[in-house]
Amino acid sequence: MKNVKPTKAWTISLLVISICTLIISITNIIGADIPDMLKRILGVAELVALPVLAYTSVKMFTGRDKQ
């Protein structure tokens, strides 16, 4: 179990962060009005995915040094 790399969680969290950021940024650049609740949901999704991304990144990169 120690050799399992958390690449799936890392990939999913990276995709969630990038998609949420792109949606918020593009709508701000275009000037489109999206509902405030949607912005809040996307922001919460980013805040949940960020610690997962940090944890899995540390696990992946420190695991390589030990081998």
C-alpha atoms as a PDB file:
ATOM      1  CA  MET A   1       0.000   0.000   0.000  1.00  0.00           C
ATOM      2  CA  LYS A   2       2.975   2.306   0.480  1.00  0.00           C
ATOM      3  CA  ASN A   3       3.824   2.259  -3.229  1.00  0.00           C
ATOM      4  CA  VAL A   4       0.431   3.624  -4.329  1.00  0.00           C
ATOM      5  CA  LYS A   5       0.771   7.050  -5.903  1.00  0.00           C
ATOM      6  CA  PRO A   6      -2.115   9.492  -5.468  1.00  0.00           C
ATOM      7  CA  THR A   7      -2.175  10.495  -9.129  1.00  0.00           C
ATOM      8  CA  LYS A   8      -5.941  10.102  -9.555  1.00  0.00           C
ATOM      9  CA  ALA A   9      -6.805  12.494  -6.715  1.00  0.00           C
ATOM     10  CA  TRP A  10      -4.087  14.882  -7.906  1.00  0.00           C
ATOM     11  CA  THR A  11      -5.454  14.889 -11.465  1.00  0.00           C
ATOM     12  CA  ILE A  12      -9.058  15.384 -10.393  1.00  0.00           C
ATOM     13  CA  SER A  13      -8.218  18.229  -8.028  1.00  0.00           C
ATOM     14  CA  LEU A  14      -6.073  19.918 -10.666  1.00  0.00           C
ATOM     15  CA  LEU A  15      -8.905  19.670 -13.196  1.00  0.00           C
ATOM     16  CA  VAL A  16     -11.458  21.036 -10.722  1.00  0.00           C
ATOM     17  CA  ILE A  17      -9.267  24.015  -9.876  1.00  0.00           C
ATOM     18  CA  SER A  18      -8.476  24.787 -13.499  1.00  0.00           C
ATOM     19  CA  ILE A  19     -12.072  24.484 -14.733  1.00  0.00           C
ATOM     20  CA  CYS A  20     -13.478  26.610 -11.905  1.00  0.00           C
ATOM     21  CA  THR A  21     -10.806  29.261 -12.410  1.00  0.00           C
ATOM     22  CA  LEU A  22     -11.377  29.355 -16.157  1.00  0.00           C
ATOM     23  CA  ILE A  23     -15.139  29.730 -15.784  1.00  0.00           C
ATOM     24  CA  ILE A  24     -14.838  32.561 -13.274  1.00  0.00           C
ATOM     25  CA  SER A  25     -12.073  34.347 -15.198  1.00  0.00           C
ATOM     26  CA  ILE A  26     -13.682  34.090 -18.633  1.00  0.00           C
ATOM     27  CA  THR A  27     -17.035  35.349 -17.387  1.00  0.00           C
ATOM     28  CA  ASN A  28     -15.310  38.305 -15.739  1.00  0.00           C
ATOM     29  CA  ILE A  29     -13.335  39.116 -18.908  1.00  0.00           C
ATOM     30  CA  ILE A  30     -16.396  38.846 -21.140  1.00  0.00           C
ATOM     31  CA  GLY A  31     -18.508  40.764 -18.691  1.00  0.00           C
ATOM     32  CA  ALA A  32     -21.169  38.096 -18.549  1.00  0.00           C
ATOM     33  CA  ASP A  33     -23.333  38.031 -15.481  1.00  0.00           C
ATOM     34  CA  ILE A  34     -23.461  34.644 -13.851  1.00  0.00           C
ATOM     35  CA  PRO A  35     -25.497  34.058 -10.721  1.00  0.00           C
ATOM     36  CA  ASP A  36     -23.783  34.876  -7.452  1.00  0.00           C
ATOM     37  CA  MET A  37     -24.602  31.417  -6.115  1.00  0.00           C
ATOM     38  CA  LEU A  38     -22.729  29.814  -9.025  1.00  0.00           C
ATOM     39  CA  LYS A  39     -19.638  31.905  -8.277  1.00  0.00           C
ATOM     40  CA  ARG A  40     -19.822  30.882  -4.641  1.00  0.00           C
ATOM     41  CA  ILE A  41     -20.207  27.191  -5.518  1.00  0.00           C
ATOM     42  CA  LEU A  42     -17.212  27.362  -7.860  1.00  0.00           C
ATOM     43  CA  GLY A  43     -15.197  29.144  -5.186  1.00  0.00           C
ATOM     44  CA  VAL A  44     -16.040  26.513  -2.582  1.00  0.00           C
ATOM     45  CA  ALA A  45     -15.105  23.762  -5.048  1.00  0.00           C
ATOM     46  CA  GLU A  46     -11.728  25.428  -5.514  1.00  0.00           C
ATOM     47  CA  LEU A  47     -11.232  25.763  -1.770  1.00  0.00           C
ATOM     48  CA  VAL A  48     -11.971  22.066  -1.290  1.00  0.00           C
ATOM     49  CA  ALA A  49      -9.712  20.959  -4.143  1.00  0.00           C
ATOM     50  CA  LEU A  50      -6.748  23.106  -3.098  1.00  0.00           C
ATOM     51  CA  PRO A  51      -5.744  21.173   0.058  1.00  0.00           C
ATOM     52  CA  VAL A  52      -6.221  17.899  -1.809  1.00  0.00           C
ATOM     53  CA  LEU A  53      -3.889  19.134  -4.537  1.00  0.00           C
ATOM     54  CA  ALA A  54      -1.308  20.286  -2.000  1.00  0.00           C
ATOM     55  CA  TYR A  55      -1.414  17.050  -0.010  1.00  0.00           C
ATOM     56  CA  THR A  56      -1.170  14.781  -3.043  1.00  0.00           C
ATOM     57  CA  SER A  57       1.609  16.884  -4.571  1.00  0.00           C
ATOM     58  CA  VAL A  58       3.673  16.563  -1.412  1.00  0.00           C
ATOM     59  CA  LYS A  59       2.973  12.825  -1.241  1.00  0.00           C
ATOM     60  CA  MET A  60       3.975  12.320  -4.868  1.00  0.00           C
ATOM     61  CA  PHE A  61       7.169  14.341  -4.765  1.00  0.00           C
ATOM     62  CA  THR A  62       8.449  13.165  -1.368  1.00  0.00           C
ATOM     63  CA  GLY A  63       7.764   9.578  -2.357  1.00  0.00           C
ATOM     64  CA  ARG A  64      10.229   9.846  -5.221  1.00  0.00           C
ATOM     65  CA  ASP A  65      13.069  10.982  -2.963  1.00  0.00           C
ATOM     66  CA  LYS A  66      12.784   7.970  -0.648  1.00  0.00           C
ATOM     67  CA  GLN A  67      13.343   5.376  -3.366  1.00  0.00           C
END
